[in-house]
Amino acid sequence: MQMLDALVGVVAGLLTLAAVLIMLGPHTMSILRRMRGIKRTRNPFASLQAPRTREPLPPGLHPKTQRVLASAARVSTWLRAHGQDEVARELRSAAARLANDEPSGLYAMQNVLRRMRGLSMGDRNADERLRLLSAELRKAVQDRFEQLELLPFGLN
């Protein structure tokens, strides 16, 4: 009797599956291919976490200015993650000024870079990462200074 119940259950399941496939119609194979192509995340709670958004760059800015802003955002995020909230805030403020008034923003960025030069994280790896990130930002700022033909004061 139990075997007969199991057999009836399997047949009913297959008939239900066949009915669903018939209702989907000619697009069944493409839907199945798409479902197979969906990649599963390794983190089962990924859908519950806040999405990682990149900071939007204002449209209409020169590409080198956008490069400065992107680099400043990377440095600021790294600094904030390592407990340097005040310097990160100053860097974000300089980036906001850069988006509105480019020359004054570049000079403000330069002042923050000067302040970052004396910053020590206490960890050799963290200090090296900060040095690399600030060198990338410094190069981007210098390139934009040269392009705008502004006179940087003591950036080196």
N, C-alpha and C. Protein backbone atom coordinates (compact mmCIF):
# COMPACT_ATOMS: atom_id res chain seq x y z
N MET A 1 0.80 -1.18 0.00
CA MET A 1 0.00 0.00 0.00
C MET A 1 0.86 1.27 0.00
N GLN A 2 1.93 1.27 0.79
CA GLN A 2 2.80 2.44 0.84
C GLN A 2 3.52 2.65 -0.49
N MET A 3 3.87 1.58 -1.13
CA MET A 3 4.55 1.67 -2.42
C MET A 3 3.62 2.26 -3.46
N LEU A 4 2.36 1.89 -3.38
CA LEU A 4 1.37 2.42 -4.31
C LEU A 4 1.16 3.92 -4.08
N ASP A 5 1.14 4.35 -2.82
CA ASP A 5 1.01 5.78 -2.49
C ASP A 5 2.21 6.57 -3.03
N ALA A 6 3.40 6.02 -2.88
CA ALA A 6 4.60 6.69 -3.38
C ALA A 6 4.55 6.80 -4.89
N LEU A 7 4.13 5.74 -5.55
CA LEU A 7 4.04 5.76 -7.00
C LEU A 7 3.01 6.78 -7.48
N VAL A 8 1.85 6.84 -6.82
CA VAL A 8 0.82 7.82 -7.17
C VAL A 8 1.35 9.23 -6.94
N GLY A 9 2.11 9.47 -5.86
CA GLY A 9 2.67 10.78 -5.57
C GLY A 9 3.67 11.22 -6.64
N VAL A 10 4.53 10.29 -7.06
CA VAL A 10 5.52 10.60 -8.10
C VAL A 10 4.82 10.92 -9.42
N VAL A 11 3.82 10.11 -9.80
CA VAL A 11 3.09 10.35 -11.05
C VAL A 11 2.37 11.69 -10.99
N ALA A 12 1.76 12.02 -9.85
CA ALA A 12 1.06 13.30 -9.70
C ALA A 12 2.05 14.46 -9.82
N GLY A 13 3.23 14.31 -9.24
CA GLY A 13 4.26 15.35 -9.33
C GLY A 13 4.71 15.55 -10.77
N LEU A 14 4.93 14.45 -11.48
CA LEU A 14 5.36 14.55 -12.89
C LEU A 14 4.27 15.17 -13.75
N LEU A 15 3.01 14.82 -13.50
CA LEU A 15 1.92 15.43 -14.25
C LEU A 15 1.81 16.94 -13.97
N THR A 16 2.02 17.33 -12.73
CA THR A 16 2.00 18.76 -12.38
C THR A 16 3.14 19.48 -13.08
N LEU A 17 4.33 18.91 -13.08
CA LEU A 17 5.47 19.51 -13.77
C LEU A 17 5.20 19.63 -15.26
N ALA A 18 4.62 18.59 -15.85
CA ALA A 18 4.29 18.63 -17.28
C ALA A 18 3.26 19.72 -17.56
N ALA A 19 2.29 19.90 -16.67
CA ALA A 19 1.27 20.94 -16.85
C ALA A 19 1.91 22.33 -16.80
N VAL A 20 2.85 22.53 -15.88
CA VAL A 20 3.54 23.83 -15.77
C VAL A 20 4.35 24.09 -17.03
N LEU A 21 5.05 23.08 -17.53
CA LEU A 21 5.85 23.24 -18.74
C LEU A 21 4.97 23.55 -19.95
N ILE A 22 3.79 22.94 -20.00
CA ILE A 22 2.87 23.22 -21.11
C ILE A 22 2.35 24.65 -21.01
N MET A 23 2.07 25.12 -19.79
CA MET A 23 1.58 26.49 -19.62
C MET A 23 2.64 27.51 -20.01
N LEU A 24 3.91 27.20 -19.77
CA LEU A 24 4.98 28.12 -20.15
C LEU A 24 5.12 28.21 -21.66
N GLY A 25 4.73 27.20 -22.34
CA GLY A 25 4.69 27.23 -23.79
C GLY A 25 6.05 27.10 -24.44
N PRO A 26 6.21 27.74 -25.62
CA PRO A 26 7.44 27.58 -26.40
C PRO A 26 8.67 28.21 -25.75
N HIS A 27 8.47 29.04 -24.75
CA HIS A 27 9.61 29.70 -24.11
C HIS A 27 10.20 28.86 -22.98
N THR A 28 9.73 27.65 -22.82
CA THR A 28 10.16 26.79 -21.72
C THR A 28 11.67 26.56 -21.74
N MET A 29 12.21 26.24 -22.89
CA MET A 29 13.65 25.92 -22.95
C MET A 29 14.50 27.15 -22.62
N SER A 30 14.10 28.32 -23.11
CA SER A 30 14.90 29.52 -22.82
C SER A 30 14.82 29.87 -21.34
N ILE A 31 13.66 29.65 -20.74
CA ILE A 31 13.52 29.91 -19.30
C ILE A 31 14.39 28.94 -18.51
N LEU A 32 14.38 27.68 -18.90
CA LEU A 32 15.22 26.70 -18.20
C LEU A 32 16.70 27.03 -18.35
N ARG A 33 17.11 27.49 -19.54
CA ARG A 33 18.53 27.87 -19.74
C ARG A 33 18.89 29.05 -18.85
N ARG A 34 17.99 30.02 -18.75
CA ARG A 34 18.25 31.19 -17.91
C ARG A 34 18.34 30.79 -16.45
N MET A 35 17.47 29.88 -16.03
CA MET A 35 17.50 29.44 -14.64
C MET A 35 18.80 28.69 -14.34
N ARG A 36 19.30 27.93 -15.30
CA ARG A 36 20.56 27.23 -15.12
C ARG A 36 21.73 28.21 -15.06
N GLY A 37 21.60 29.34 -15.77
CA GLY A 37 22.68 30.31 -15.84
C GLY A 37 22.75 31.24 -14.63
N ILE A 38 21.74 31.20 -13.77
CA ILE A 38 21.77 32.05 -12.58
C ILE A 38 22.85 31.54 -11.64
N LYS A 39 23.74 32.46 -11.28
CA LYS A 39 24.82 32.07 -10.38
C LYS A 39 24.36 32.24 -8.94
N ARG A 40 24.68 31.27 -8.15
CA ARG A 40 24.33 31.35 -6.74
C ARG A 40 25.46 32.05 -6.00
N THR A 41 25.09 32.89 -5.04
CA THR A 41 26.10 33.57 -4.25
C THR A 41 26.59 32.64 -3.16
N ARG A 42 27.80 32.85 -2.76
CA ARG A 42 28.36 32.02 -1.70
C ARG A 42 27.80 32.43 -0.34
N ASN A 43 27.36 33.69 -0.25
CA ASN A 43 26.81 34.19 0.99
C ASN A 43 25.29 34.10 0.93
N PRO A 44 24.68 33.23 1.73
CA PRO A 44 23.22 33.10 1.66
C PRO A 44 22.49 34.34 2.17
N PHE A 45 23.17 35.21 2.93
CA PHE A 45 22.55 36.41 3.46
C PHE A 45 22.86 37.65 2.62
N ALA A 46 23.39 37.45 1.41
CA ALA A 46 23.76 38.58 0.57
C ALA A 46 22.57 39.45 0.22
N SER A 47 21.41 38.86 0.06
CA SER A 47 20.24 39.65 -0.29
C SER A 47 19.76 40.50 0.87
N LEU A 48 20.14 40.15 2.09
CA LEU A 48 19.73 40.92 3.26
C LEU A 48 20.66 42.10 3.54
N GLN A 49 21.86 42.09 2.98
CA GLN A 49 22.82 43.16 3.23
C GLN A 49 22.50 44.35 2.35
N ALA A 50 22.93 45.51 2.80
CA ALA A 50 22.73 46.72 2.01
C ALA A 50 23.59 46.62 0.74
N PRO A 51 23.07 47.07 -0.38
CA PRO A 51 23.85 46.97 -1.61
C PRO A 51 25.05 47.91 -1.56
N ARG A 52 26.14 47.46 -2.14
CA ARG A 52 27.34 48.29 -2.21
C ARG A 52 27.18 49.23 -3.39
N THR A 53 27.14 50.48 -3.09
CA THR A 53 26.97 51.46 -4.16
C THR A 53 28.26 52.23 -4.33
N ARG A 54 28.58 52.49 -5.54
CA ARG A 54 29.72 53.34 -5.82
C ARG A 54 29.26 54.77 -5.73
N GLU A 55 30.14 55.61 -5.30
CA GLU A 55 29.78 57.01 -5.22
C GLU A 55 29.61 57.53 -6.64
N PRO A 56 28.46 58.12 -6.90
CA PRO A 56 28.25 58.62 -8.25
C PRO A 56 29.12 59.84 -8.52
N LEU A 57 29.70 59.87 -9.68
CA LEU A 57 30.49 61.02 -10.07
C LEU A 57 29.60 61.98 -10.83
N PRO A 58 29.71 63.25 -10.51
CA PRO A 58 28.85 64.21 -11.20
C PRO A 58 29.13 64.20 -12.70
N PRO A 59 28.08 64.19 -13.51
CA PRO A 59 28.29 64.19 -14.96
C PRO A 59 28.80 65.55 -15.41
N GLY A 60 29.50 65.56 -16.50
CA GLY A 60 29.99 66.81 -17.06
C GLY A 60 31.34 67.24 -16.52
N LEU A 61 31.91 66.51 -15.61
CA LEU A 61 33.24 66.85 -15.12
C LEU A 61 34.29 66.28 -16.06
N HIS A 62 35.41 66.93 -16.07
CA HIS A 62 36.53 66.46 -16.88
C HIS A 62 36.97 65.09 -16.37
N PRO A 63 37.40 64.18 -17.26
CA PRO A 63 37.81 62.83 -16.83
C PRO A 63 38.91 62.83 -15.77
N LYS A 64 39.85 63.77 -15.85
CA LYS A 64 40.90 63.80 -14.82
C LYS A 64 40.35 64.27 -13.49
N THR A 65 39.35 65.14 -13.53
CA THR A 65 38.70 65.55 -12.29
C THR A 65 37.93 64.38 -11.71
N GLN A 66 37.28 63.61 -12.56
CA GLN A 66 36.58 62.42 -12.09
C GLN A 66 37.57 61.43 -11.48
N ARG A 67 38.75 61.34 -12.06
CA ARG A 67 39.78 60.45 -11.52
C ARG A 67 40.21 60.91 -10.13
N VAL A 68 40.34 62.23 -9.94
CA VAL A 68 40.68 62.76 -8.62
C VAL A 68 39.58 62.42 -7.62
N LEU A 69 38.32 62.62 -8.03
CA LEU A 69 37.20 62.34 -7.13
C LEU A 69 37.11 60.86 -6.77
N ALA A 70 37.32 60.00 -7.75
CA ALA A 70 37.28 58.56 -7.48
C ALA A 70 38.40 58.14 -6.54
N SER A 71 39.58 58.68 -6.77
CA SER A 71 40.72 58.36 -5.91
C SER A 71 40.48 58.90 -4.49
N ALA A 72 39.92 60.10 -4.40
CA ALA A 72 39.62 60.68 -3.08
C ALA A 72 38.58 59.84 -2.35
N ALA A 73 37.61 59.33 -3.07
CA ALA A 73 36.59 58.48 -2.45
C ALA A 73 37.21 57.19 -1.92
N ARG A 74 38.14 56.60 -2.69
CA ARG A 74 38.81 55.38 -2.22
C ARG A 74 39.61 55.65 -0.95
N VAL A 75 40.37 56.75 -0.94
CA VAL A 75 41.20 57.07 0.23
C VAL A 75 40.31 57.37 1.42
N SER A 76 39.25 58.13 1.20
CA SER A 76 38.35 58.51 2.28
C SER A 76 37.68 57.28 2.89
N THR A 77 37.22 56.38 2.06
CA THR A 77 36.59 55.15 2.56
C THR A 77 37.59 54.32 3.36
N TRP A 78 38.81 54.22 2.86
CA TRP A 78 39.84 53.46 3.57
C TRP A 78 40.16 54.11 4.92
N LEU A 79 40.29 55.44 4.91
CA LEU A 79 40.60 56.14 6.16
C LEU A 79 39.48 55.96 7.18
N ARG A 80 38.24 56.07 6.72
CA ARG A 80 37.11 55.91 7.64
C ARG A 80 37.08 54.49 8.20
N ALA A 81 37.40 53.51 7.38
CA ALA A 81 37.42 52.12 7.84
C ALA A 81 38.52 51.88 8.86
N HIS A 82 39.55 52.73 8.83
CA HIS A 82 40.66 52.57 9.77
C HIS A 82 40.65 53.61 10.89
N GLY A 83 39.49 54.19 11.14
CA GLY A 83 39.32 55.05 12.31
C GLY A 83 39.80 56.48 12.16
N GLN A 84 40.10 56.92 10.97
CA GLN A 84 40.55 58.30 10.76
C GLN A 84 39.39 59.13 10.18
N ASP A 85 38.33 59.25 10.97
CA ASP A 85 37.11 59.90 10.48
C ASP A 85 37.31 61.38 10.16
N GLU A 86 38.10 62.07 10.96
CA GLU A 86 38.27 63.52 10.74
C GLU A 86 38.96 63.81 9.41
N VAL A 87 40.02 63.08 9.12
CA VAL A 87 40.74 63.28 7.86
C VAL A 87 39.86 62.86 6.69
N ALA A 88 39.11 61.77 6.87
CA ALA A 88 38.21 61.31 5.82
C ALA A 88 37.14 62.37 5.55
N ARG A 89 36.64 63.01 6.60
CA ARG A 89 35.63 64.06 6.44
C ARG A 89 36.22 65.25 5.67
N GLU A 90 37.44 65.63 6.01
CA GLU A 90 38.10 66.73 5.30
C GLU A 90 38.30 66.39 3.83
N LEU A 91 38.66 65.15 3.57
CA LEU A 91 38.87 64.71 2.19
C LEU A 91 37.56 64.75 1.40
N ARG A 92 36.48 64.31 2.02
CA ARG A 92 35.18 64.37 1.35
C ARG A 92 34.74 65.82 1.12
N SER A 93 35.03 66.67 2.08
CA SER A 93 34.70 68.09 1.93
C SER A 93 35.48 68.71 0.77
N ALA A 94 36.76 68.36 0.67
CA ALA A 94 37.57 68.87 -0.43
C ALA A 94 37.06 68.33 -1.76
N ALA A 95 36.60 67.09 -1.78
CA ALA A 95 36.05 66.51 -3.02
C ALA A 95 34.76 67.22 -3.41
N ALA A 96 33.94 67.58 -2.42
CA ALA A 96 32.71 68.31 -2.72
C ALA A 96 33.03 69.70 -3.28
N ARG A 97 34.04 70.35 -2.71
CA ARG A 97 34.46 71.65 -3.25
C ARG A 97 35.01 71.51 -4.65
N LEU A 98 35.72 70.42 -4.89
CA LEU A 98 36.29 70.17 -6.20
C LEU A 98 35.20 70.03 -7.26
N ALA A 99 34.10 69.40 -6.89
CA ALA A 99 33.00 69.22 -7.84
C ALA A 99 32.33 70.55 -8.17
N ASN A 100 32.33 71.48 -7.22
CA ASN A 100 31.67 72.78 -7.44
C ASN A 100 32.61 73.84 -7.98
N ASP A 101 33.76 73.99 -7.32
CA ASP A 101 34.74 75.01 -7.71
C ASP A 101 36.10 74.30 -7.79
N GLU A 102 36.48 73.97 -9.01
CA GLU A 102 37.64 73.10 -9.19
C GLU A 102 38.94 73.63 -8.60
N PRO A 103 39.35 74.87 -8.88
CA PRO A 103 40.63 75.34 -8.32
C PRO A 103 40.67 75.32 -6.79
N SER A 104 39.63 75.84 -6.14
CA SER A 104 39.66 75.84 -4.67
C SER A 104 39.58 74.42 -4.13
N GLY A 105 38.87 73.54 -4.83
CA GLY A 105 38.82 72.15 -4.40
C GLY A 105 40.17 71.46 -4.52
N LEU A 106 40.91 71.79 -5.59
CA LEU A 106 42.24 71.20 -5.74
C LEU A 106 43.18 71.68 -4.64
N TYR A 107 43.09 72.97 -4.31
CA TYR A 107 43.93 73.48 -3.23
C TYR A 107 43.54 72.86 -1.88
N ALA A 108 42.24 72.67 -1.65
CA ALA A 108 41.80 72.02 -0.42
C ALA A 108 42.28 70.57 -0.38
N MET A 109 42.23 69.90 -1.53
CA MET A 109 42.70 68.52 -1.62
C MET A 109 44.20 68.47 -1.31
N GLN A 110 44.91 69.46 -1.79
CA GLN A 110 46.34 69.52 -1.54
C GLN A 110 46.64 69.69 -0.04
N ASN A 111 45.84 70.50 0.64
CA ASN A 111 46.02 70.67 2.08
C ASN A 111 45.75 69.37 2.84
N VAL A 112 44.74 68.65 2.42
CA VAL A 112 44.45 67.37 3.07
C VAL A 112 45.58 66.37 2.80
N LEU A 113 46.12 66.37 1.58
CA LEU A 113 47.25 65.49 1.28
C LEU A 113 48.45 65.81 2.16
N ARG A 114 48.66 67.09 2.39
CA ARG A 114 49.76 67.51 3.25
C ARG A 114 49.54 66.98 4.67
N ARG A 115 48.30 67.05 5.14
CA ARG A 115 47.99 66.56 6.47
C ARG A 115 48.12 65.03 6.54
N MET A 116 47.74 64.35 5.46
CA MET A 116 47.84 62.89 5.44
C MET A 116 49.28 62.41 5.47
N ARG A 117 50.19 63.25 4.99
CA ARG A 117 51.60 62.85 4.96
C ARG A 117 52.12 62.56 6.36
N GLY A 118 51.63 63.29 7.36
CA GLY A 118 52.09 63.08 8.73
C GLY A 118 51.28 62.05 9.48
N LEU A 119 50.34 61.43 8.84
CA LEU A 119 49.46 60.46 9.48
C LEU A 119 50.16 59.11 9.61
N SER A 120 50.07 58.52 10.78
CA SER A 120 50.64 57.19 11.00
C SER A 120 49.55 56.28 11.54
N MET A 121 49.43 55.11 10.95
CA MET A 121 48.37 54.19 11.33
C MET A 121 48.82 53.21 12.42
N GLY A 122 50.12 53.10 12.66
CA GLY A 122 50.63 52.20 13.68
C GLY A 122 50.97 50.82 13.16
N ASP A 123 50.43 50.44 12.03
CA ASP A 123 50.69 49.14 11.43
C ASP A 123 51.46 49.37 10.14
N ARG A 124 52.50 48.59 9.95
CA ARG A 124 53.35 48.79 8.76
C ARG A 124 52.58 48.57 7.47
N ASN A 125 51.74 47.53 7.42
CA ASN A 125 50.95 47.27 6.22
C ASN A 125 49.95 48.38 5.96
N ALA A 126 49.32 48.86 7.02
CA ALA A 126 48.34 49.95 6.88
C ALA A 126 49.04 51.23 6.42
N ASP A 127 50.23 51.49 6.98
CA ASP A 127 50.98 52.67 6.55
C ASP A 127 51.35 52.59 5.08
N GLU A 128 51.74 51.40 4.64
CA GLU A 128 52.11 51.23 3.23
C GLU A 128 50.90 51.41 2.32
N ARG A 129 49.76 50.87 2.72
CA ARG A 129 48.53 51.02 1.92
C ARG A 129 48.12 52.49 1.86
N LEU A 130 48.22 53.20 2.99
CA LEU A 130 47.91 54.63 3.01
C LEU A 130 48.86 55.39 2.10
N ARG A 131 50.13 55.02 2.12
CA ARG A 131 51.10 55.69 1.27
C ARG A 131 50.77 55.49 -0.21
N LEU A 132 50.39 54.26 -0.58
CA LEU A 132 50.04 53.97 -1.97
C LEU A 132 48.78 54.72 -2.41
N LEU A 133 47.76 54.70 -1.55
CA LEU A 133 46.52 55.40 -1.90
C LEU A 133 46.73 56.90 -2.00
N SER A 134 47.50 57.46 -1.07
CA SER A 134 47.73 58.90 -1.12
C SER A 134 48.64 59.27 -2.29
N ALA A 135 49.57 58.38 -2.69
CA ALA A 135 50.40 58.65 -3.86
C ALA A 135 49.55 58.67 -5.13
N GLU A 136 48.57 57.77 -5.21
CA GLU A 136 47.67 57.75 -6.36
C GLU A 136 46.84 59.04 -6.41
N LEU A 137 46.35 59.47 -5.25
CA LEU A 137 45.57 60.71 -5.19
C LEU A 137 46.46 61.91 -5.51
N ARG A 138 47.67 61.92 -4.97
CA ARG A 138 48.59 63.04 -5.22
C ARG A 138 48.91 63.15 -6.72
N LYS A 139 49.12 62.02 -7.37
CA LYS A 139 49.41 62.02 -8.81
C LYS A 139 48.21 62.57 -9.59
N ALA A 140 47.00 62.15 -9.22
CA ALA A 140 45.81 62.62 -9.92
C ALA A 140 45.63 64.13 -9.72
N VAL A 141 45.88 64.61 -8.50
CA VAL A 141 45.76 66.05 -8.22
C VAL A 141 46.82 66.83 -9.00
N GLN A 142 48.04 66.32 -9.02
CA GLN A 142 49.10 67.00 -9.77
C GLN A 142 48.77 67.07 -11.25
N ASP A 143 48.27 65.98 -11.82
CA ASP A 143 47.90 65.98 -13.23
C ASP A 143 46.84 67.04 -13.52
N ARG A 144 45.86 67.14 -12.65
CA ARG A 144 44.80 68.13 -12.88
C ARG A 144 45.33 69.54 -12.68
N PHE A 145 46.24 69.74 -11.71
CA PHE A 145 46.87 71.05 -11.52
C PHE A 145 47.58 71.47 -12.80
N GLU A 146 48.36 70.55 -13.36
CA GLU A 146 49.11 70.87 -14.58
C GLU A 146 48.17 71.17 -15.74
N GLN A 147 47.10 70.43 -15.82
CA GLN A 147 46.18 70.62 -16.93
C GLN A 147 45.46 71.96 -16.84
N LEU A 148 45.14 72.39 -15.62
CA LEU A 148 44.48 73.68 -15.44
C LEU A 148 45.48 74.84 -15.39
N GLU A 149 46.76 74.49 -15.45
CA GLU A 149 47.84 75.46 -15.40
C GLU A 149 47.77 76.29 -14.11
N LEU A 150 47.43 75.63 -13.01
CA LEU A 150 47.47 76.24 -11.71
C LEU A 150 48.85 76.05 -11.12
N LEU A 151 49.20 76.86 -10.16
CA LEU A 151 50.50 76.74 -9.52
C LEU A 151 50.34 76.02 -8.20
N PRO A 152 50.74 74.74 -8.16
CA PRO A 152 50.65 74.03 -6.88
C PRO A 152 51.72 74.56 -5.94
N PHE A 153 51.36 74.75 -4.69
CA PHE A 153 52.35 75.22 -3.75
C PHE A 153 52.79 74.08 -2.85
N GLY A 154 54.00 73.60 -3.09
CA GLY A 154 54.63 72.60 -2.23
C GLY A 154 53.93 71.26 -2.18
N LEU A 155 53.53 70.72 -3.30
CA LEU A 155 52.84 69.43 -3.30
C LEU A 155 53.83 68.28 -3.13
N ASN A 156 55.06 68.45 -3.52
CA ASN A 156 56.03 67.37 -3.45
C ASN A 156 56.53 67.15 -2.07
